[in-house]
Amino acid sequence: MGDLLMSELLIGCGNRRDKLLYRPGEGEWTNLTTLDSDPNCGADVEHDLMRLPLPFADDSFNEIHAYHVLEHTGAMGDYRWFFAQWEEFWRILKPDGLFCGVVPAVSSVWLFADPGHTRVIAPETFTFLDQSEYTKQVGKTALADYRRFYHADFAALFQDARTSDDGGDCQFFFILQAKKPSRISV
């Protein structure tokens, strides 16, 4: 990235501002914008993530961070909204920008126990966000072809399931990179 000043967006920030995932060689926030729908958490931008488009210009951020928020948006099986949300994240990320996320791992007791969880994000989910995977798999495997609905493109850079020190909860950490222009081919 050629930018001298990083720009980061923390979506669904709530009352926390800690950075859980880092770009290699970097540390804390440099130019953070926060977003949440709760007017009581002091976010820079008050906005409901279920409302698209997001209130930012194209190519606004080097990084988007989402910690325990994606599982509260959309609904399992609503693929059109899922892809629309990821196209919005891609739109507001700069080329090669990073999407850094933490969600409950598939083995987490909280994945289905929390009544507010409406979506599961698993490592396999990212196959559908990577346009090069469609070329490799459509017509050869059972992968559904969503390219008529989805034109953004992400590459998975990092994935790790971690169990808490007390052995209770398991979280899934990931970093995706926005590939611009999209590598879509039909």
C-alpha atoms as a PDB file:
ATOM      1  CA  MET A   1       0.000   0.000   0.000  1.00  0.00           C
ATOM      2  CA  GLY A   2       1.411   3.350  -0.925  1.00  0.00           C
ATOM      3  CA  ASP A   3      -0.574   5.362   1.624  1.00  0.00           C
ATOM      4  CA  LEU A   4       1.462   7.179   4.240  1.00  0.00           C
ATOM      5  CA  LEU A   5      -1.499   7.238   6.608  1.00  0.00           C
ATOM      6  CA  MET A   6      -3.477   4.077   7.223  1.00  0.00           C
ATOM      7  CA  SER A   7      -7.229   4.357   7.454  1.00  0.00           C
ATOM      8  CA  GLU A   8      -9.103   1.731   9.414  1.00  0.00           C
ATOM      9  CA  LEU A   9     -12.798   1.114   9.991  1.00  0.00           C
ATOM     10  CA  LEU A  10     -14.030  -0.835  13.012  1.00  0.00           C
ATOM     11  CA  ILE A  11     -17.608  -1.957  12.346  1.00  0.00           C
ATOM     12  CA  GLY A  12     -19.909  -2.979  15.174  1.00  0.00           C
ATOM     13  CA  CYS A  13     -17.432  -1.433  17.598  1.00  0.00           C
ATOM     14  CA  GLY A  14     -19.740  -1.371  20.621  1.00  0.00           C
ATOM     15  CA  ASN A  15     -17.824   0.001  23.601  1.00  0.00           C
ATOM     16  CA  ARG A  16     -14.484  -1.629  22.675  1.00  0.00           C
ATOM     17  CA  ARG A  17     -11.706  -0.138  20.579  1.00  0.00           C
ATOM     18  CA  ASP A  18      -8.968  -2.767  20.901  1.00  0.00           C
ATOM     19  CA  LYS A  19      -7.289  -4.084  17.750  1.00  0.00           C
ATOM     20  CA  LEU A  20      -7.291  -7.889  17.633  1.00  0.00           C
ATOM     21  CA  LEU A  21      -5.690  -8.503  14.235  1.00  0.00           C
ATOM     22  CA  TYR A  22      -2.667  -6.709  12.800  1.00  0.00           C
ATOM     23  CA  ARG A  23      -1.128  -6.184   9.415  1.00  0.00           C
ATOM     24  CA  PRO A  24       2.373  -7.760   9.487  1.00  0.00           C
ATOM     25  CA  GLY A  25       4.862  -5.275  10.954  1.00  0.00           C
ATOM     26  CA  GLU A  26       2.178  -2.924  12.260  1.00  0.00           C
ATOM     27  CA  GLY A  27       0.551  -2.370  15.620  1.00  0.00           C
ATOM     28  CA  GLU A  28      -2.232  -0.231  17.033  1.00  0.00           C
ATOM     29  CA  TRP A  29      -4.722   1.914  15.122  1.00  0.00           C
ATOM     30  CA  THR A  30      -3.326   4.837  13.144  1.00  0.00           C
ATOM     31  CA  ASN A  31      -6.438   6.557  11.788  1.00  0.00           C
ATOM     32  CA  LEU A  32      -9.495   4.754  13.168  1.00  0.00           C
ATOM     33  CA  THR A  33     -13.132   5.374  12.245  1.00  0.00           C
ATOM     34  CA  THR A  34     -15.724   3.502  14.316  1.00  0.00           C
ATOM     35  CA  LEU A  35     -19.230   2.474  13.253  1.00  0.00           C
ATOM     36  CA  ASP A  36     -22.101   1.085  15.314  1.00  0.00           C
ATOM     37  CA  SER A  37     -25.894   1.266  15.346  1.00  0.00           C
ATOM     38  CA  ASP A  38     -26.030   1.912  19.121  1.00  0.00           C
ATOM     39  CA  PRO A  39     -26.093   5.670  19.816  1.00  0.00           C
ATOM     40  CA  ASN A  40     -24.751   5.038  23.336  1.00  0.00           C
ATOM     41  CA  CYS A  41     -21.371   3.583  22.376  1.00  0.00           C
ATOM     42  CA  GLY A  42     -19.809   6.793  21.032  1.00  0.00           C
ATOM     43  CA  ALA A  43     -19.042   5.567  17.517  1.00  0.00           C
ATOM     44  CA  ASP A  44     -17.862   8.085  14.939  1.00  0.00           C
ATOM     45  CA  VAL A  45     -20.611   6.935  12.559  1.00  0.00           C
ATOM     46  CA  GLU A  46     -24.024   5.696  13.692  1.00  0.00           C
ATOM     47  CA  HIS A  47     -25.287   3.241  11.084  1.00  0.00           C
ATOM     48  CA  ASP A  48     -27.061  -0.124  11.005  1.00  0.00           C
ATOM     49  CA  LEU A  49     -24.970  -2.682   9.096  1.00  0.00           C
ATOM     50  CA  MET A  50     -28.170  -4.201   7.755  1.00  0.00           C
ATOM     51  CA  ARG A  51     -28.737  -0.988   5.754  1.00  0.00           C
ATOM     52  CA  LEU A  52     -26.851  -0.954   2.482  1.00  0.00           C
ATOM     53  CA  PRO A  53     -25.062   0.895   1.045  1.00  0.00           C
ATOM     54  CA  LEU A  54     -22.613   1.756   3.797  1.00  0.00           C
ATOM     55  CA  PRO A  55     -22.102   5.518   4.301  1.00  0.00           C
ATOM     56  CA  PHE A  56     -18.561   5.701   2.868  1.00  0.00           C
ATOM     57  CA  ALA A  57     -17.023   6.530  -0.494  1.00  0.00           C
ATOM     58  CA  ASP A  58     -15.366   3.940  -2.699  1.00  0.00           C
ATOM     59  CA  ASP A  59     -11.800   3.006  -1.700  1.00  0.00           C
ATOM     60  CA  SER A  60     -12.033   4.740   1.702  1.00  0.00           C
ATOM     61  CA  PHE A  61     -10.168   2.305   3.966  1.00  0.00           C
ATOM     62  CA  ASN A  62      -6.966   0.289   4.078  1.00  0.00           C
ATOM     63  CA  GLU A  63      -8.556  -2.031   6.634  1.00  0.00           C
ATOM     64  CA  ILE A  64     -11.998  -3.021   7.894  1.00  0.00           C
ATOM     65  CA  HIS A  65     -12.204  -4.808  11.243  1.00  0.00           C
ATOM     66  CA  ALA A  66     -15.276  -6.768  12.385  1.00  0.00           C
ATOM     67  CA  TYR A  67     -15.057  -8.514  15.748  1.00  0.00           C
ATOM     68  CA  HIS A  68     -18.085 -10.619  16.682  1.00  0.00           C
ATOM     69  CA  VAL A  69     -20.476  -8.689  14.465  1.00  0.00           C
ATOM     70  CA  LEU A  70     -20.856 -10.583  11.151  1.00  0.00           C
ATOM     71  CA  GLU A  71     -22.747 -13.454  12.799  1.00  0.00           C
ATOM     72  CA  HIS A  72     -25.416 -10.882  13.774  1.00  0.00           C
ATOM     73  CA  THR A  73     -26.024  -9.655  10.197  1.00  0.00           C
ATOM     74  CA  GLY A  74     -28.057 -11.238   7.431  1.00  0.00           C
ATOM     75  CA  ALA A  75     -29.647 -14.656   7.646  1.00  0.00           C
ATOM     76  CA  MET A  76     -28.474 -18.112   6.693  1.00  0.00           C
ATOM     77  CA  GLY A  77     -29.666 -18.901   3.195  1.00  0.00           C
ATOM     78  CA  ASP A  78     -30.071 -15.249   2.152  1.00  0.00           C
ATOM     79  CA  TYR A  79     -27.246 -15.401  -0.359  1.00  0.00           C
ATOM     80  CA  ARG A  80     -28.251 -12.193  -2.168  1.00  0.00           C
ATOM     81  CA  TRP A  81     -27.857 -10.100   0.997  1.00  0.00           C
ATOM     82  CA  PHE A  82     -24.663 -11.957   1.959  1.00  0.00           C
ATOM     83  CA  PHE A  83     -23.037 -11.121  -1.369  1.00  0.00           C
ATOM     84  CA  ALA A  84     -24.373  -7.543  -1.317  1.00  0.00           C
ATOM     85  CA  GLN A  85     -22.768  -7.020   2.112  1.00  0.00           C
ATOM     86  CA  TRP A  86     -19.406  -8.361   0.942  1.00  0.00           C
ATOM     87  CA  GLU A  87     -19.575  -6.238  -2.212  1.00  0.00           C
ATOM     88  CA  GLU A  88     -20.036  -3.195   0.046  1.00  0.00           C
ATOM     89  CA  PHE A  89     -16.993  -4.121   2.132  1.00  0.00           C
ATOM     90  CA  TRP A  90     -15.008  -4.614  -1.080  1.00  0.00           C
ATOM     91  CA  ARG A  91     -16.254  -1.279  -2.486  1.00  0.00           C
ATOM     92  CA  ILE A  92     -15.063   0.765   0.492  1.00  0.00           C
ATOM     93  CA  LEU A  93     -11.707  -1.028   0.802  1.00  0.00           C
ATOM     94  CA  LYS A  94      -8.748   0.289  -1.148  1.00  0.00           C
ATOM     95  CA  PRO A  95      -7.081  -2.120  -3.605  1.00  0.00           C
ATOM     96  CA  ASP A  96      -5.303  -4.846  -1.584  1.00  0.00           C
ATOM     97  CA  GLY A  97      -7.076  -3.579   1.545  1.00  0.00           C
ATOM     98  CA  LEU A  98      -7.662  -6.031   4.351  1.00  0.00           C
ATOM     99  CA  PHE A  99     -10.842  -7.279   5.975  1.00  0.00           C
ATOM    100  CA  CYS A 100      -9.953  -8.563   9.456  1.00  0.00           C
ATOM    101  CA  GLY A 101     -12.599 -10.516  11.317  1.00  0.00           C
ATOM    102  CA  VAL A 102     -13.385 -12.642  14.330  1.00  0.00           C
ATOM    103  CA  VAL A 103     -16.526 -14.787  14.571  1.00  0.00           C
ATOM    104  CA  PRO A 104     -17.522 -17.786  16.680  1.00  0.00           C
ATOM    105  CA  ALA A 105     -15.838 -20.918  15.325  1.00  0.00           C
ATOM    106  CA  VAL A 106     -18.073 -23.723  14.102  1.00  0.00           C
ATOM    107  CA  SER A 107     -17.181 -25.624  17.303  1.00  0.00           C
ATOM    108  CA  SER A 108     -18.113 -22.698  19.585  1.00  0.00           C
ATOM    109  CA  VAL A 109     -20.893 -23.317  22.099  1.00  0.00           C
ATOM    110  CA  TRP A 110     -22.051 -19.740  21.399  1.00  0.00           C
ATOM    111  CA  LEU A 111     -22.511 -20.182  17.655  1.00  0.00           C
ATOM    112  CA  PHE A 112     -26.119 -21.304  18.042  1.00  0.00           C
ATOM    113  CA  ALA A 113     -26.635 -20.547  21.747  1.00  0.00           C
ATOM    114  CA  ASP A 114     -26.697 -16.749  21.253  1.00  0.00           C
ATOM    115  CA  PRO A 115     -30.239 -15.830  20.120  1.00  0.00           C
ATOM    116  CA  GLY A 116     -28.853 -12.894  18.120  1.00  0.00           C
ATOM    117  CA  HIS A 117     -26.704 -15.036  15.842  1.00  0.00           C
ATOM    118  CA  THR A 118     -28.274 -15.309  12.404  1.00  0.00           C
ATOM    119  CA  ARG A 119     -25.355 -16.406  10.213  1.00  0.00           C
ATOM    120  CA  VAL A 120     -22.431 -18.846  10.369  1.00  0.00           C
ATOM    121  CA  ILE A 121     -19.081 -17.822   8.894  1.00  0.00           C
ATOM    122  CA  ALA A 122     -16.818 -20.847   8.407  1.00  0.00           C
ATOM    123  CA  PRO A 123     -13.469 -21.181   6.600  1.00  0.00           C
ATOM    124  CA  GLU A 124     -15.328 -22.707   3.644  1.00  0.00           C
ATOM    125  CA  THR A 125     -17.485 -19.565   3.342  1.00  0.00           C
ATOM    126  CA  PHE A 126     -14.536 -17.673   1.883  1.00  0.00           C
ATOM    127  CA  THR A 127     -14.454 -19.983  -1.123  1.00  0.00           C
ATOM    128  CA  PHE A 128     -17.531 -18.103  -2.358  1.00  0.00           C
ATOM    129  CA  LEU A 129     -15.847 -14.699  -1.967  1.00  0.00           C
ATOM    130  CA  ASP A 130     -12.771 -15.635  -4.028  1.00  0.00           C
ATOM    131  CA  GLN A 131     -13.416 -15.278  -7.780  1.00  0.00           C
ATOM    132  CA  SER A 132     -10.485 -17.546  -8.685  1.00  0.00           C
ATOM    133  CA  GLU A 133     -12.230 -20.397  -6.829  1.00  0.00           C
ATOM    134  CA  TYR A 134     -15.199 -20.207  -9.202  1.00  0.00           C
ATOM    135  CA  THR A 135     -12.881 -20.780 -12.150  1.00  0.00           C
ATOM    136  CA  LYS A 136     -11.284 -23.752 -10.392  1.00  0.00           C
ATOM    137  CA  GLN A 137     -14.481 -25.361  -9.141  1.00  0.00           C
ATOM    138  CA  VAL A 138     -17.625 -24.471 -11.127  1.00  0.00           C
ATOM    139  CA  GLY A 139     -18.597 -27.442 -13.261  1.00  0.00           C
ATOM    140  CA  LYS A 140     -16.031 -29.652 -11.530  1.00  0.00           C
ATOM    141  CA  THR A 141     -17.299 -29.718  -7.919  1.00  0.00           C
ATOM    142  CA  ALA A 142     -20.608 -29.061  -6.163  1.00  0.00           C
ATOM    143  CA  LEU A 143     -19.722 -25.349  -5.692  1.00  0.00           C
ATOM    144  CA  ALA A 144     -22.727 -23.182  -6.577  1.00  0.00           C
ATOM    145  CA  ASP A 145     -22.007 -20.429  -9.121  1.00  0.00           C
ATOM    146  CA  TYR A 146     -22.998 -17.062  -7.617  1.00  0.00           C
ATOM    147  CA  ARG A 147     -21.080 -14.867 -10.091  1.00  0.00           C
ATOM    148  CA  ARG A 148     -24.322 -13.454 -11.469  1.00  0.00           C
ATOM    149  CA  PHE A 149     -24.941 -11.928  -8.002  1.00  0.00           C
ATOM    150  CA  TYR A 150     -21.403 -11.311  -6.799  1.00  0.00           C
ATOM    151  CA  HIS A 151     -18.689  -9.325  -8.565  1.00  0.00           C
ATOM    152  CA  ALA A 152     -16.315  -8.420  -5.733  1.00  0.00           C
ATOM    153  CA  ASP A 153     -13.227 -10.513  -5.023  1.00  0.00           C
ATOM    154  CA  PHE A 154     -11.316 -11.438  -1.871  1.00  0.00           C
ATOM    155  CA  ALA A 155      -8.355 -13.733  -1.248  1.00  0.00           C
ATOM    156  CA  ALA A 156      -7.969 -15.408   2.144  1.00  0.00           C
ATOM    157  CA  LEU A 157      -4.605 -14.494   3.679  1.00  0.00           C
ATOM    158  CA  PHE A 158      -5.018 -15.893   7.192  1.00  0.00           C
ATOM    159  CA  GLN A 159      -7.387 -18.248   9.013  1.00  0.00           C
ATOM    160  CA  ASP A 160      -7.066 -19.637  12.534  1.00  0.00           C
ATOM    161  CA  ALA A 161      -9.470 -21.169  15.049  1.00  0.00           C
ATOM    162  CA  ARG A 162      -8.424 -20.435  18.624  1.00  0.00           C
ATOM    163  CA  THR A 163      -9.765 -21.801  21.883  1.00  0.00           C
ATOM    164  CA  SER A 164      -9.778 -19.525  24.939  1.00  0.00           C
ATOM    165  CA  ASP A 165      -7.225 -20.182  27.691  1.00  0.00           C
ATOM    166  CA  ASP A 166      -9.936 -21.643  29.923  1.00  0.00           C
ATOM    167  CA  GLY A 167     -10.958 -24.061  27.151  1.00  0.00           C
ATOM    168  CA  GLY A 168     -14.463 -22.633  26.930  1.00  0.00           C
ATOM    169  CA  ASP A 169     -14.988 -20.668  23.765  1.00  0.00           C
ATOM    170  CA  CYS A 170     -13.559 -21.166  20.298  1.00  0.00           C
ATOM    171  CA  GLN A 171     -13.196 -18.222  17.920  1.00  0.00           C
ATOM    172  CA  PHE A 172     -12.362 -18.078  14.216  1.00  0.00           C
ATOM    173  CA  PHE A 173      -9.912 -15.323  13.192  1.00  0.00           C
ATOM    174  CA  PHE A 174      -9.423 -14.412   9.533  1.00  0.00           C
ATOM    175  CA  ILE A 175      -7.905 -11.830   7.197  1.00  0.00           C
ATOM    176  CA  LEU A 176      -9.106 -11.378   3.625  1.00  0.00           C
ATOM    177  CA  GLN A 177      -7.523  -9.145   0.982  1.00  0.00           C
ATOM    178  CA  ALA A 178      -9.613  -7.134  -1.496  1.00  0.00           C
ATOM    179  CA  LYS A 179      -8.511  -8.024  -5.015  1.00  0.00           C
ATOM    180  CA  LYS A 180      -9.095  -5.014  -7.257  1.00  0.00           C
ATOM    181  CA  PRO A 181      -9.851  -5.224 -10.051  1.00  0.00           C
ATOM    182  CA  SER A 182     -11.892  -8.355  -9.524  1.00  0.00           C
ATOM    183  CA  ARG A 183     -10.529 -11.559 -11.043  1.00  0.00           C
ATOM    184  CA  ILE A 184     -14.033 -12.568 -12.114  1.00  0.00           C
ATOM    185  CA  SER A 185     -14.328 -14.693 -15.244  1.00  0.00           C
ATOM    186  CA  VAL A 186     -17.527 -16.199 -16.581  1.00  0.00           C
END
